């Protein structure tokens, strides 16, 4: 990546096309410029880590959610304040990615070596703290934005602790939904609140986040079944994914989930794979809930429904 700017790397990234295709090219360009300036002004000690973490492939799904929620209630050009809020949420998201990669012992993310594998555990943890602090500094002019960020970080921390405490426990779909609501759901709730500057689309954001969490769960399992990767880490660690919550309704599968073994892991993988059609139907129900919420609350629900439809494709 040496010699490449964030803008050039991002424009070359295949995943960026998803965000740009939604009509937010100007806003994404502005966001990229803000990231470049932020990294250039950061501590020289942190710059190599920040460049590695941010100057690569990004879906920009969370910033696009901020922009879509803004336009759903307030049509017209998106102001610099909203773009700044979108940058703060992208920074918070990257903090969560760094921690997730460490917890999952992931060596690569989207084909690129993870931060802790490239620079070491301590530098990666320090970088996550640095990013978190700068996100708050970025929002210091808005008490509402600071409050939203504080809520997000607290809920994410509690959700990770909850998910880890409940690992290997054969719980149900409603338990999964609680975890998804507090994990990914909290991120998208805050996206909605930062985009609108109020609470009107909070429930929409929550439903979108739960949908995203579930689609990610299903996509991981499809990768594990087809390629021997992805969802296998969740099975290894006993994490309650949506397909797992459906599969462990079978007492024999629940026993393997609670007491893993080499043979049991393969059985679990097959049973969780077999649960995918039921999981897909459940995700369709969540998508329908989110569309109903968007239609009932937003003045212009079209951008919100487009996000739902785009998210729903992630599990395929």
C-alpha atoms as a PDB file:
ATOM      1  CA  UNK A   1       0.000   0.000   0.000  1.00  0.00           C
ATOM      2  CA  UNK A   2       3.069   2.267   0.141  1.00  0.00           C
ATOM      3  CA  UNK A   3       2.713   5.368  -1.983  1.00  0.00           C
ATOM      4  CA  UNK A   4      -1.035   4.967  -2.435  1.00  0.00           C
ATOM      5  CA  UNK A   5      -3.433   7.511  -0.975  1.00  0.00           C
ATOM      6  CA  UNK A   6      -6.555   6.492   0.864  1.00  0.00           C
ATOM      7  CA  UNK A   7      -8.678   7.931  -1.931  1.00  0.00           C
ATOM      8  CA  UNK A   8      -6.939   5.936  -4.650  1.00  0.00           C
ATOM      9  CA  UNK A   9      -7.057   2.731  -2.619  1.00  0.00           C
ATOM     10  CA  UNK A  10     -10.704   3.229  -1.779  1.00  0.00           C
ATOM     11  CA  UNK A  11     -11.675   4.026  -5.348  1.00  0.00           C
ATOM     12  CA  UNK A  12      -9.926   0.857  -6.497  1.00  0.00           C
ATOM     13  CA  UNK A  13     -11.705  -1.273  -3.906  1.00  0.00           C
ATOM     14  CA  UNK A  14     -14.493  -3.386  -5.337  1.00  0.00           C
ATOM     15  CA  UNK A  15     -16.586  -3.009  -2.190  1.00  0.00           C
ATOM     16  CA  UNK A  16     -16.675   0.777  -2.528  1.00  0.00           C
ATOM     17  CA  UNK A  17     -18.920   0.437  -5.546  1.00  0.00           C
ATOM     18  CA  UNK A  18     -21.803  -0.628  -3.317  1.00  0.00           C
ATOM     19  CA  UNK A  19     -21.749   2.660  -1.445  1.00  0.00           C
ATOM     20  CA  UNK A  20     -21.213   4.808  -4.542  1.00  0.00           C
ATOM     21  CA  UNK A  21     -24.011   3.070  -6.440  1.00  0.00           C
ATOM     22  CA  UNK A  22     -26.463   4.302  -3.831  1.00  0.00           C
ATOM     23  CA  UNK A  23     -25.971   7.897  -4.926  1.00  0.00           C
ATOM     24  CA  UNK A  24     -23.593   9.061  -2.191  1.00  0.00           C
ATOM     25  CA  UNK A  25     -20.463   9.557  -4.314  1.00  0.00           C
ATOM     26  CA  UNK A  26     -19.921  13.135  -3.162  1.00  0.00           C
ATOM     27  CA  UNK A  27     -20.371  12.265   0.493  1.00  0.00           C
ATOM     28  CA  UNK A  28     -18.031   9.239   0.303  1.00  0.00           C
ATOM     29  CA  UNK A  29     -15.389  11.388  -1.420  1.00  0.00           C
ATOM     30  CA  UNK A  30     -15.737  13.983   1.338  1.00  0.00           C
ATOM     31  CA  UNK A  31     -15.468  11.254   3.968  1.00  0.00           C
ATOM     32  CA  UNK A  32     -12.323   9.883   2.322  1.00  0.00           C
ATOM     33  CA  UNK A  33     -10.795  13.353   2.352  1.00  0.00           C
ATOM     34  CA  UNK A  34     -11.615  13.765   6.042  1.00  0.00           C
ATOM     35  CA  UNK A  35      -9.937  10.429   6.834  1.00  0.00           C
ATOM     36  CA  UNK A  36      -6.812  11.435   4.906  1.00  0.00           C
ATOM     37  CA  UNK A  37      -6.573  14.726   6.793  1.00  0.00           C
ATOM     38  CA  UNK A  38      -7.215  13.049  10.136  1.00  0.00           C
ATOM     39  CA  UNK A  39      -4.496  10.460   9.601  1.00  0.00           C
ATOM     40  CA  UNK A  40      -2.024  13.094   8.358  1.00  0.00           C
ATOM     41  CA  UNK A  41      -2.610  15.131  11.534  1.00  0.00           C
ATOM     42  CA  UNK A  42      -2.331  12.145  13.873  1.00  0.00           C
ATOM     43  CA  UNK A  43       0.648  11.112  15.981  1.00  0.00           C
ATOM     44  CA  UNK A  44       3.587   9.935  13.817  1.00  0.00           C
ATOM     45  CA  UNK A  45       3.731   6.848  16.035  1.00  0.00           C
ATOM     46  CA  UNK A  46       0.144   5.971  15.116  1.00  0.00           C
ATOM     47  CA  UNK A  47       0.154   6.901  11.425  1.00  0.00           C
ATOM     48  CA  UNK A  48       1.470   3.566  10.065  1.00  0.00           C
ATOM     49  CA  UNK A  49      -1.208   1.674  12.011  1.00  0.00           C
ATOM     50  CA  UNK A  50      -4.000   4.045  10.994  1.00  0.00           C
ATOM     51  CA  UNK A  51      -2.986   3.890   7.343  1.00  0.00           C
ATOM     52  CA  UNK A  52      -2.971   0.094   7.481  1.00  0.00           C
ATOM     53  CA  UNK A  53      -6.397  -0.006   9.127  1.00  0.00           C
ATOM     54  CA  UNK A  54      -8.163   2.698   7.106  1.00  0.00           C
ATOM     55  CA  UNK A  55      -6.391   2.859   3.738  1.00  0.00           C
ATOM     56  CA  UNK A  56      -7.913  -0.287   2.315  1.00  0.00           C
ATOM     57  CA  UNK A  57     -11.166  -1.902   1.314  1.00  0.00           C
ATOM     58  CA  UNK A  58     -14.187  -0.519   3.103  1.00  0.00           C
ATOM     59  CA  UNK A  59     -17.852  -1.140   2.461  1.00  0.00           C
ATOM     60  CA  UNK A  60     -18.784   2.257   3.976  1.00  0.00           C
ATOM     61  CA  UNK A  61     -22.111   0.679   4.882  1.00  0.00           C
ATOM     62  CA  UNK A  62     -22.390   2.519   8.178  1.00  0.00           C
ATOM     63  CA  UNK A  63     -21.635   5.991   6.774  1.00  0.00           C
ATOM     64  CA  UNK A  64     -24.107   5.315   3.957  1.00  0.00           C
ATOM     65  CA  UNK A  65     -26.675   4.425   6.631  1.00  0.00           C
ATOM     66  CA  UNK A  66     -26.033   7.799   8.285  1.00  0.00           C
ATOM     67  CA  UNK A  67     -26.546   9.568   4.934  1.00  0.00           C
ATOM     68  CA  UNK A  68     -29.667   7.585   4.012  1.00  0.00           C
ATOM     69  CA  UNK A  69     -31.304   8.260   7.371  1.00  0.00           C
ATOM     70  CA  UNK A  70     -30.582  11.966   6.973  1.00  0.00           C
ATOM     71  CA  UNK A  71     -32.199  12.078   3.545  1.00  0.00           C
ATOM     72  CA  UNK A  72     -35.151  10.007   4.704  1.00  0.00           C
ATOM     73  CA  UNK A  73     -36.175  12.834   7.050  1.00  0.00           C
ATOM     74  CA  UNK A  74     -34.448  15.868   5.521  1.00  0.00           C
ATOM     75  CA  UNK A  75     -34.156  15.773   1.719  1.00  0.00           C
ATOM     76  CA  UNK A  76     -31.422  17.807   0.066  1.00  0.00           C
ATOM     77  CA  UNK A  77     -27.628  18.068   0.236  1.00  0.00           C
ATOM     78  CA  UNK A  78     -25.933  16.389   3.188  1.00  0.00           C
ATOM     79  CA  UNK A  79     -24.071  18.892   5.344  1.00  0.00           C
ATOM     80  CA  UNK A  80     -20.470  18.669   6.534  1.00  0.00           C
ATOM     81  CA  UNK A  81     -21.697  18.046  10.099  1.00  0.00           C
ATOM     82  CA  UNK A  82     -23.411  14.829   9.005  1.00  0.00           C
ATOM     83  CA  UNK A  83     -20.326  13.713   7.076  1.00  0.00           C
ATOM     84  CA  UNK A  84     -18.271  14.344  10.220  1.00  0.00           C
ATOM     85  CA  UNK A  85     -20.712  12.197  12.216  1.00  0.00           C
ATOM     86  CA  UNK A  86     -20.376   9.473   9.579  1.00  0.00           C
ATOM     87  CA  UNK A  87     -16.599   9.578   9.988  1.00  0.00           C
ATOM     88  CA  UNK A  88     -17.007   9.170  13.752  1.00  0.00           C
ATOM     89  CA  UNK A  89     -19.137   6.065  13.249  1.00  0.00           C
ATOM     90  CA  UNK A  90     -16.623   4.655  10.746  1.00  0.00           C
ATOM     91  CA  UNK A  91     -13.919   5.173  13.363  1.00  0.00           C
ATOM     92  CA  UNK A  92     -16.022   3.427  16.019  1.00  0.00           C
ATOM     93  CA  UNK A  93     -16.641   0.571  13.592  1.00  0.00           C
ATOM     94  CA  UNK A  94     -12.910   0.135  13.011  1.00  0.00           C
ATOM     95  CA  UNK A  95     -12.312   0.003  16.765  1.00  0.00           C
ATOM     96  CA  UNK A  96     -14.757  -2.908  16.895  1.00  0.00           C
ATOM     97  CA  UNK A  97     -13.042  -4.598  13.924  1.00  0.00           C
ATOM     98  CA  UNK A  98      -9.636  -4.432  15.599  1.00  0.00           C
ATOM     99  CA  UNK A  99     -11.009  -5.972  18.799  1.00  0.00           C
ATOM    100  CA  UNK A 100     -13.009  -8.611  16.894  1.00  0.00           C
ATOM    101  CA  UNK A 101      -9.946  -9.639  14.885  1.00  0.00           C
ATOM    102  CA  UNK A 102      -7.930 -10.057  18.071  1.00  0.00           C
ATOM    103  CA  UNK A 103     -10.706 -12.009  19.800  1.00  0.00           C
ATOM    104  CA  UNK A 104     -11.316 -14.228  16.754  1.00  0.00           C
ATOM    105  CA  UNK A 105      -7.578 -14.734  16.219  1.00  0.00           C
ATOM    106  CA  UNK A 106      -8.093 -13.656  12.622  1.00  0.00           C
ATOM    107  CA  UNK A 107      -4.959 -13.327  10.529  1.00  0.00           C
ATOM    108  CA  UNK A 108      -6.667 -11.650   7.578  1.00  0.00           C
ATOM    109  CA  UNK A 109      -9.655  -9.418   6.902  1.00  0.00           C
ATOM    110  CA  UNK A 110     -10.804  -8.999   3.280  1.00  0.00           C
ATOM    111  CA  UNK A 111      -7.514 -10.449   2.089  1.00  0.00           C
ATOM    112  CA  UNK A 112      -5.348  -8.029   4.116  1.00  0.00           C
ATOM    113  CA  UNK A 113      -3.337  -8.943   7.202  1.00  0.00           C
ATOM    114  CA  UNK A 114      -5.108  -7.819  10.363  1.00  0.00           C
ATOM    115  CA  UNK A 115      -3.662  -4.967  12.395  1.00  0.00           C
ATOM    116  CA  UNK A 116      -2.504  -7.071  15.341  1.00  0.00           C
ATOM    117  CA  UNK A 117      -0.797  -9.585  13.042  1.00  0.00           C
ATOM    118  CA  UNK A 118       0.954  -6.837  11.096  1.00  0.00           C
ATOM    119  CA  UNK A 119       2.080  -4.664  14.022  1.00  0.00           C
ATOM    120  CA  UNK A 120       1.619  -6.760  17.157  1.00  0.00           C
ATOM    121  CA  UNK A 121      -1.014  -7.040  19.876  1.00  0.00           C
ATOM    122  CA  UNK A 122      -0.074  -4.064  22.019  1.00  0.00           C
ATOM    123  CA  UNK A 123       0.201  -1.550  19.123  1.00  0.00           C
ATOM    124  CA  UNK A 124      -3.154  -2.748  17.779  1.00  0.00           C
ATOM    125  CA  UNK A 125      -4.852  -2.304  21.158  1.00  0.00           C
ATOM    126  CA  UNK A 126      -3.290   1.138  21.566  1.00  0.00           C
ATOM    127  CA  UNK A 127      -4.438   2.091  18.064  1.00  0.00           C
ATOM    128  CA  UNK A 128      -8.012   1.102  18.936  1.00  0.00           C
ATOM    129  CA  UNK A 129      -7.891   3.383  21.989  1.00  0.00           C
ATOM    130  CA  UNK A 130      -6.386   6.202  19.934  1.00  0.00           C
ATOM    131  CA  UNK A 131      -9.115   5.921  17.287  1.00  0.00           C
ATOM    132  CA  UNK A 132     -11.826   5.873  19.957  1.00  0.00           C
ATOM    133  CA  UNK A 133     -10.468   9.012  21.637  1.00  0.00           C
ATOM    134  CA  UNK A 134     -10.177  10.874  18.339  1.00  0.00           C
ATOM    135  CA  UNK A 135     -13.763   9.984  17.414  1.00  0.00           C
ATOM    136  CA  UNK A 136     -14.961  11.710  20.581  1.00  0.00           C
ATOM    137  CA  UNK A 137     -12.689  14.666  19.865  1.00  0.00           C
ATOM    138  CA  UNK A 138     -14.176  14.916  16.383  1.00  0.00           C
ATOM    139  CA  UNK A 139     -17.686  15.213  17.844  1.00  0.00           C
ATOM    140  CA  UNK A 140     -16.879  17.561  20.719  1.00  0.00           C
ATOM    141  CA  UNK A 141     -18.969  20.359  19.189  1.00  0.00           C
ATOM    142  CA  UNK A 142     -22.180  18.308  19.467  1.00  0.00           C
ATOM    143  CA  UNK A 143     -23.347  17.028  22.838  1.00  0.00           C
ATOM    144  CA  UNK A 144     -25.880  14.787  21.089  1.00  0.00           C
ATOM    145  CA  UNK A 145     -23.196  13.139  18.929  1.00  0.00           C
ATOM    146  CA  UNK A 146     -20.906  12.618  21.925  1.00  0.00           C
ATOM    147  CA  UNK A 147     -23.792  11.043  23.850  1.00  0.00           C
ATOM    148  CA  UNK A 148     -24.539   8.719  20.916  1.00  0.00           C
ATOM    149  CA  UNK A 149     -20.900   7.612  20.672  1.00  0.00           C
ATOM    150  CA  UNK A 150     -20.706   7.015  24.412  1.00  0.00           C
ATOM    151  CA  UNK A 151     -23.869   4.916  24.279  1.00  0.00           C
ATOM    152  CA  UNK A 152     -22.466   2.918  21.374  1.00  0.00           C
ATOM    153  CA  UNK A 153     -19.142   2.069  22.985  1.00  0.00           C
ATOM    154  CA  UNK A 154     -20.783   1.050  26.251  1.00  0.00           C
ATOM    155  CA  UNK A 155     -23.346  -1.153  24.536  1.00  0.00           C
ATOM    156  CA  UNK A 156     -20.747  -2.766  22.276  1.00  0.00           C
ATOM    157  CA  UNK A 157     -18.542  -3.543  25.264  1.00  0.00           C
ATOM    158  CA  UNK A 158     -21.451  -5.077  27.193  1.00  0.00           C
ATOM    159  CA  UNK A 159     -22.592  -7.023  24.102  1.00  0.00           C
ATOM    160  CA  UNK A 160     -19.160  -8.548  23.558  1.00  0.00           C
ATOM    161  CA  UNK A 161     -18.987  -9.557  27.228  1.00  0.00           C
ATOM    162  CA  UNK A 162     -22.521 -11.014  27.056  1.00  0.00           C
ATOM    163  CA  UNK A 163     -21.799 -12.956  23.878  1.00  0.00           C
ATOM    164  CA  UNK A 164     -18.588 -14.367  25.328  1.00  0.00           C
ATOM    165  CA  UNK A 165     -20.258 -15.295  28.646  1.00  0.00           C
ATOM    166  CA  UNK A 166     -23.049 -17.132  26.810  1.00  0.00           C
ATOM    167  CA  UNK A 167     -20.772 -19.079  24.464  1.00  0.00           C
ATOM    168  CA  UNK A 168     -21.452 -22.814  24.256  1.00  0.00           C
ATOM    169  CA  UNK A 169     -24.858 -22.358  25.876  1.00  0.00           C
ATOM    170  CA  UNK A 170     -27.602 -23.875  23.670  1.00  0.00           C
ATOM    171  CA  UNK A 171     -29.948 -20.879  23.665  1.00  0.00           C
ATOM    172  CA  UNK A 172     -32.716 -19.916  21.255  1.00  0.00           C
ATOM    173  CA  UNK A 173     -33.493 -17.460  18.477  1.00  0.00           C
ATOM    174  CA  UNK A 174     -34.832 -14.807  20.859  1.00  0.00           C
ATOM    175  CA  UNK A 175     -31.562 -14.956  22.788  1.00  0.00           C
ATOM    176  CA  UNK A 176     -29.708 -14.556  19.503  1.00  0.00           C
ATOM    177  CA  UNK A 177     -31.873 -11.555  18.682  1.00  0.00           C
ATOM    178  CA  UNK A 178     -31.024  -9.922  22.010  1.00  0.00           C
ATOM    179  CA  UNK A 179     -27.321 -10.332  21.280  1.00  0.00           C
ATOM    180  CA  UNK A 180     -27.725  -9.058  17.707  1.00  0.00           C
ATOM    181  CA  UNK A 181     -29.699  -6.035  18.944  1.00  0.00           C
ATOM    182  CA  UNK A 182     -26.996  -5.007  21.382  1.00  0.00           C
ATOM    183  CA  UNK A 183     -24.084  -5.810  19.077  1.00  0.00           C
ATOM    184  CA  UNK A 184     -24.670  -4.805  15.448  1.00  0.00           C
ATOM    185  CA  UNK A 185     -28.093  -3.355  16.255  1.00  0.00           C
ATOM    186  CA  UNK A 186     -26.614  -0.725  18.556  1.00  0.00           C
ATOM    187  CA  UNK A 187     -24.176   0.366  15.825  1.00  0.00           C
ATOM    188  CA  UNK A 188     -26.956   0.961  13.316  1.00  0.00           C
ATOM    189  CA  UNK A 189     -29.227   2.569  15.901  1.00  0.00           C
ATOM    190  CA  UNK A 190     -26.506   5.134  16.489  1.00  0.00           C
ATOM    191  CA  UNK A 191     -26.019   5.548  12.718  1.00  0.00           C
ATOM    192  CA  UNK A 192     -29.702   6.440  12.447  1.00  0.00           C
ATOM    193  CA  UNK A 193     -29.562   8.862  15.364  1.00  0.00           C
ATOM    194  CA  UNK A 194     -26.404  10.586  14.102  1.00  0.00           C
ATOM    195  CA  UNK A 195     -27.912  10.890  10.641  1.00  0.00           C
ATOM    196  CA  UNK A 196     -31.149  12.486  11.776  1.00  0.00           C
ATOM    197  CA  UNK A 197     -29.940  14.286  14.899  1.00  0.00           C
ATOM    198  CA  UNK A 198     -32.838  12.758  16.841  1.00  0.00           C
ATOM    199  CA  UNK A 199     -34.422   9.440  17.836  1.00  0.00           C
ATOM    200  CA  UNK A 200     -37.076   9.104  15.126  1.00  0.00           C
ATOM    201  CA  UNK A 201     -35.318   6.364  13.136  1.00  0.00           C
ATOM    202  CA  UNK A 202     -33.735   4.560  16.088  1.00  0.00           C
ATOM    203  CA  UNK A 203     -35.948   1.463  15.799  1.00  0.00           C
ATOM    204  CA  UNK A 204     -35.372   1.347  12.048  1.00  0.00           C
ATOM    205  CA  UNK A 205     -31.620   1.397  12.690  1.00  0.00           C
ATOM    206  CA  UNK A 206     -31.986  -1.366  15.265  1.00  0.00           C
ATOM    207  CA  UNK A 207     -33.891  -3.606  12.841  1.00  0.00           C
ATOM    208  CA  UNK A 208     -31.409  -2.902  10.053  1.00  0.00           C
ATOM    209  CA  UNK A 209     -28.551  -3.828  12.398  1.00  0.00           C
ATOM    210  CA  UNK A 210     -30.225  -7.076  13.496  1.00  0.00           C
ATOM    211  CA  UNK A 211     -30.805  -7.903   9.830  1.00  0.00           C
ATOM    212  CA  UNK A 212     -27.161  -7.162   9.015  1.00  0.00           C
ATOM    213  CA  UNK A 213     -25.992  -9.308  11.947  1.00  0.00           C
ATOM    214  CA  UNK A 214     -28.147 -12.230  10.818  1.00  0.00           C
ATOM    215  CA  UNK A 215     -27.145 -11.949   7.161  1.00  0.00           C
ATOM    216  CA  UNK A 216     -23.511 -11.897   8.245  1.00  0.00           C
ATOM    217  CA  UNK A 217     -24.101 -15.023  10.338  1.00  0.00           C
ATOM    218  CA  UNK A 218     -25.651 -16.851   7.385  1.00  0.00           C
ATOM    219  CA  UNK A 219     -22.976 -15.640   4.969  1.00  0.00           C
ATOM    220  CA  UNK A 220     -20.262 -16.898   7.311  1.00  0.00           C
ATOM    221  CA  UNK A 221     -21.857 -20.327   7.488  1.00  0.00           C
ATOM    222  CA  UNK A 222     -22.149 -20.489   3.703  1.00  0.00           C
ATOM    223  CA  UNK A 223     -18.431 -19.707   3.527  1.00  0.00           C
ATOM    224  CA  UNK A 224     -17.644 -22.366   6.112  1.00  0.00           C
ATOM    225  CA  UNK A 225     -19.707 -25.012   4.324  1.00  0.00           C
ATOM    226  CA  UNK A 226     -18.296 -24.192   0.901  1.00  0.00           C
ATOM    227  CA  UNK A 227     -14.720 -23.233   1.708  1.00  0.00           C
ATOM    228  CA  UNK A 228     -13.938 -24.547   5.171  1.00  0.00           C
ATOM    229  CA  UNK A 229     -13.688 -21.029   6.606  1.00  0.00           C
ATOM    230  CA  UNK A 230     -15.789 -18.156   7.972  1.00  0.00           C
ATOM    231  CA  UNK A 231     -18.400 -19.584  10.312  1.00  0.00           C
ATOM    232  CA  UNK A 232     -16.097 -22.327  11.543  1.00  0.00           C
ATOM    233  CA  UNK A 233     -14.552 -19.825  13.983  1.00  0.00           C
ATOM    234  CA  UNK A 234     -17.973 -19.191  15.547  1.00  0.00           C
ATOM    235  CA  UNK A 235     -18.551 -22.915  15.934  1.00  0.00           C
ATOM    236  CA  UNK A 236     -15.062 -23.344  17.393  1.00  0.00           C
ATOM    237  CA  UNK A 237     -15.727 -20.626  19.979  1.00  0.00           C
ATOM    238  CA  UNK A 238     -19.325 -21.654  20.674  1.00  0.00           C
ATOM    239  CA  UNK A 239     -20.799 -18.321  19.521  1.00  0.00           C
ATOM    240  CA  UNK A 240     -24.589 -18.216  19.201  1.00  0.00           C
ATOM    241  CA  UNK A 241     -25.245 -17.333  15.557  1.00  0.00           C
ATOM    242  CA  UNK A 242     -28.714 -17.349  14.006  1.00  0.00           C
ATOM    243  CA  UNK A 243     -28.226 -20.670  12.154  1.00  0.00           C
ATOM    244  CA  UNK A 244     -26.734 -22.205  15.303  1.00  0.00           C
ATOM    245  CA  UNK A 245     -29.697 -21.045  17.410  1.00  0.00           C
ATOM    246  CA  UNK A 246     -32.011 -22.817  14.947  1.00  0.00           C
ATOM    247  CA  UNK A 247     -29.897 -25.970  14.662  1.00  0.00           C
ATOM    248  CA  UNK A 248     -29.511 -26.512  18.413  1.00  0.00           C
ATOM    249  CA  UNK A 249     -33.244 -26.940  18.841  1.00  0.00           C
ATOM    250  CA  UNK A 250     -32.231 -30.566  18.239  1.00  0.00           C
ATOM    251  CA  UNK A 251     -31.008 -31.909  21.627  1.00  0.00           C
ATOM    252  CA  UNK A 252     -28.222 -33.937  20.018  1.00  0.00           C
ATOM    253  CA  UNK A 253     -26.916 -30.855  18.198  1.00  0.00           C
ATOM    254  CA  UNK A 254     -27.178 -28.850  21.416  1.00  0.00           C
ATOM    255  CA  UNK A 255     -24.997 -31.428  23.146  1.00  0.00           C
ATOM    256  CA  UNK A 256     -22.278 -31.050  20.495  1.00  0.00           C
ATOM    257  CA  UNK A 257     -22.567 -27.274  20.756  1.00  0.00           C
ATOM    258  CA  UNK A 258     -22.032 -27.404  24.512  1.00  0.00           C
ATOM    259  CA  UNK A 259     -19.254 -30.028  24.432  1.00  0.00           C
ATOM    260  CA  UNK A 260     -17.162 -29.542  21.291  1.00  0.00           C
ATOM    261  CA  UNK A 261     -14.907 -32.189  19.790  1.00  0.00           C
ATOM    262  CA  UNK A 262     -13.212 -32.667  16.439  1.00  0.00           C
ATOM    263  CA  UNK A 263     -15.962 -34.988  15.240  1.00  0.00           C
ATOM    264  CA  UNK A 264     -18.672 -32.869  16.877  1.00  0.00           C
ATOM    265  CA  UNK A 265     -17.471 -29.754  15.078  1.00  0.00           C
ATOM    266  CA  UNK A 266     -18.027 -31.412  11.713  1.00  0.00           C
ATOM    267  CA  UNK A 267     -21.485 -32.581  12.788  1.00  0.00           C
ATOM    268  CA  UNK A 268     -22.287 -29.067  13.994  1.00  0.00           C
ATOM    269  CA  UNK A 269     -21.096 -27.554  10.743  1.00  0.00           C
ATOM    270  CA  UNK A 270     -23.381 -29.847   8.753  1.00  0.00           C
ATOM    271  CA  UNK A 271     -26.396 -29.249  11.015  1.00  0.00           C
ATOM    272  CA  UNK A 272     -25.894 -25.491  11.075  1.00  0.00           C
ATOM    273  CA  UNK A 273     -25.618 -25.561   7.282  1.00  0.00           C
ATOM    274  CA  UNK A 274     -28.896 -27.467   7.092  1.00  0.00           C
ATOM    275  CA  UNK A 275     -30.560 -24.731   9.180  1.00  0.00           C
ATOM    276  CA  UNK A 276     -29.853 -22.029   6.598  1.00  0.00           C
ATOM    277  CA  UNK A 277     -33.264 -22.151   4.811  1.00  0.00           C
ATOM    278  CA  UNK A 278     -35.066 -21.541   8.124  1.00  0.00           C
ATOM    279  CA  UNK A 279     -32.599 -18.760   8.955  1.00  0.00           C
ATOM    280  CA  UNK A 280     -33.255 -17.111   5.589  1.00  0.00           C
ATOM    281  CA  UNK A 281     -37.009 -17.114   6.242  1.00  0.00           C
ATOM    282  CA  UNK A 282     -36.432 -15.516   9.635  1.00  0.00           C
ATOM    283  CA  UNK A 283     -34.283 -12.826   7.995  1.00  0.00           C
ATOM    284  CA  UNK A 284     -37.103 -12.150   5.522  1.00  0.00           C
ATOM    285  CA  UNK A 285     -39.365 -11.476   8.516  1.00  0.00           C
ATOM    286  CA  UNK A 286     -36.871  -9.018  10.002  1.00  0.00           C
ATOM    287  CA  UNK A 287     -36.539  -7.275   6.635  1.00  0.00           C
ATOM    288  CA  UNK A 288     -40.325  -6.942   6.480  1.00  0.00           C
ATOM    289  CA  UNK A 289     -40.354  -5.421   9.984  1.00  0.00           C
ATOM    290  CA  UNK A 290     -37.692  -2.916   8.954  1.00  0.00           C
ATOM    291  CA  UNK A 291     -39.586  -1.943   5.781  1.00  0.00           C
ATOM    292  CA  UNK A 292     -42.772  -1.427   7.785  1.00  0.00           C
ATOM    293  CA  UNK A 293     -40.895   0.781  10.259  1.00  0.00           C
ATOM    294  CA  UNK A 294     -39.290   2.834   7.485  1.00  0.00           C
ATOM    295  CA  UNK A 295     -42.600   3.309   5.690  1.00  0.00           C
ATOM    296  CA  UNK A 296     -44.392   4.311   8.868  1.00  0.00           C
ATOM    297  CA  UNK A 297     -41.851   6.837  10.157  1.00  0.00           C
ATOM    298  CA  UNK A 298     -39.828   8.357   7.314  1.00  0.00           C
ATOM    299  CA  UNK A 299     -40.983  11.169   5.052  1.00  0.00           C
ATOM    300  CA  UNK A 300     -38.942   9.608   2.257  1.00  0.00           C
ATOM    301  CA  UNK A 301     -38.546   5.888   2.985  1.00  0.00           C
ATOM    302  CA  UNK A 302     -36.964   4.985  -0.377  1.00  0.00           C
ATOM    303  CA  UNK A 303     -33.311   5.270   0.737  1.00  0.00           C
ATOM    304  CA  UNK A 304     -34.077   3.245   3.862  1.00  0.00           C
ATOM    305  CA  UNK A 305     -35.777   0.474   1.910  1.00  0.00           C
ATOM    306  CA  UNK A 306     -32.831   0.403  -0.514  1.00  0.00           C
ATOM    307  CA  UNK A 307     -30.522  -0.212   2.455  1.00  0.00           C
ATOM    308  CA  UNK A 308     -32.714  -3.068   3.659  1.00  0.00           C
ATOM    309  CA  UNK A 309     -32.741  -4.685   0.227  1.00  0.00           C
ATOM    310  CA  UNK A 310     -28.983  -4.276  -0.115  1.00  0.00           C
ATOM    311  CA  UNK A 311     -28.400  -5.780   3.333  1.00  0.00           C
ATOM    312  CA  UNK A 312     -30.670  -8.705   2.574  1.00  0.00           C
ATOM    313  CA  UNK A 313     -28.402  -9.741  -0.308  1.00  0.00           C
ATOM    314  CA  UNK A 314     -25.405 -10.172   2.024  1.00  0.00           C
ATOM    315  CA  UNK A 315     -26.405 -13.685   3.083  1.00  0.00           C
ATOM    316  CA  UNK A 316     -26.676 -15.053  -0.451  1.00  0.00           C
END
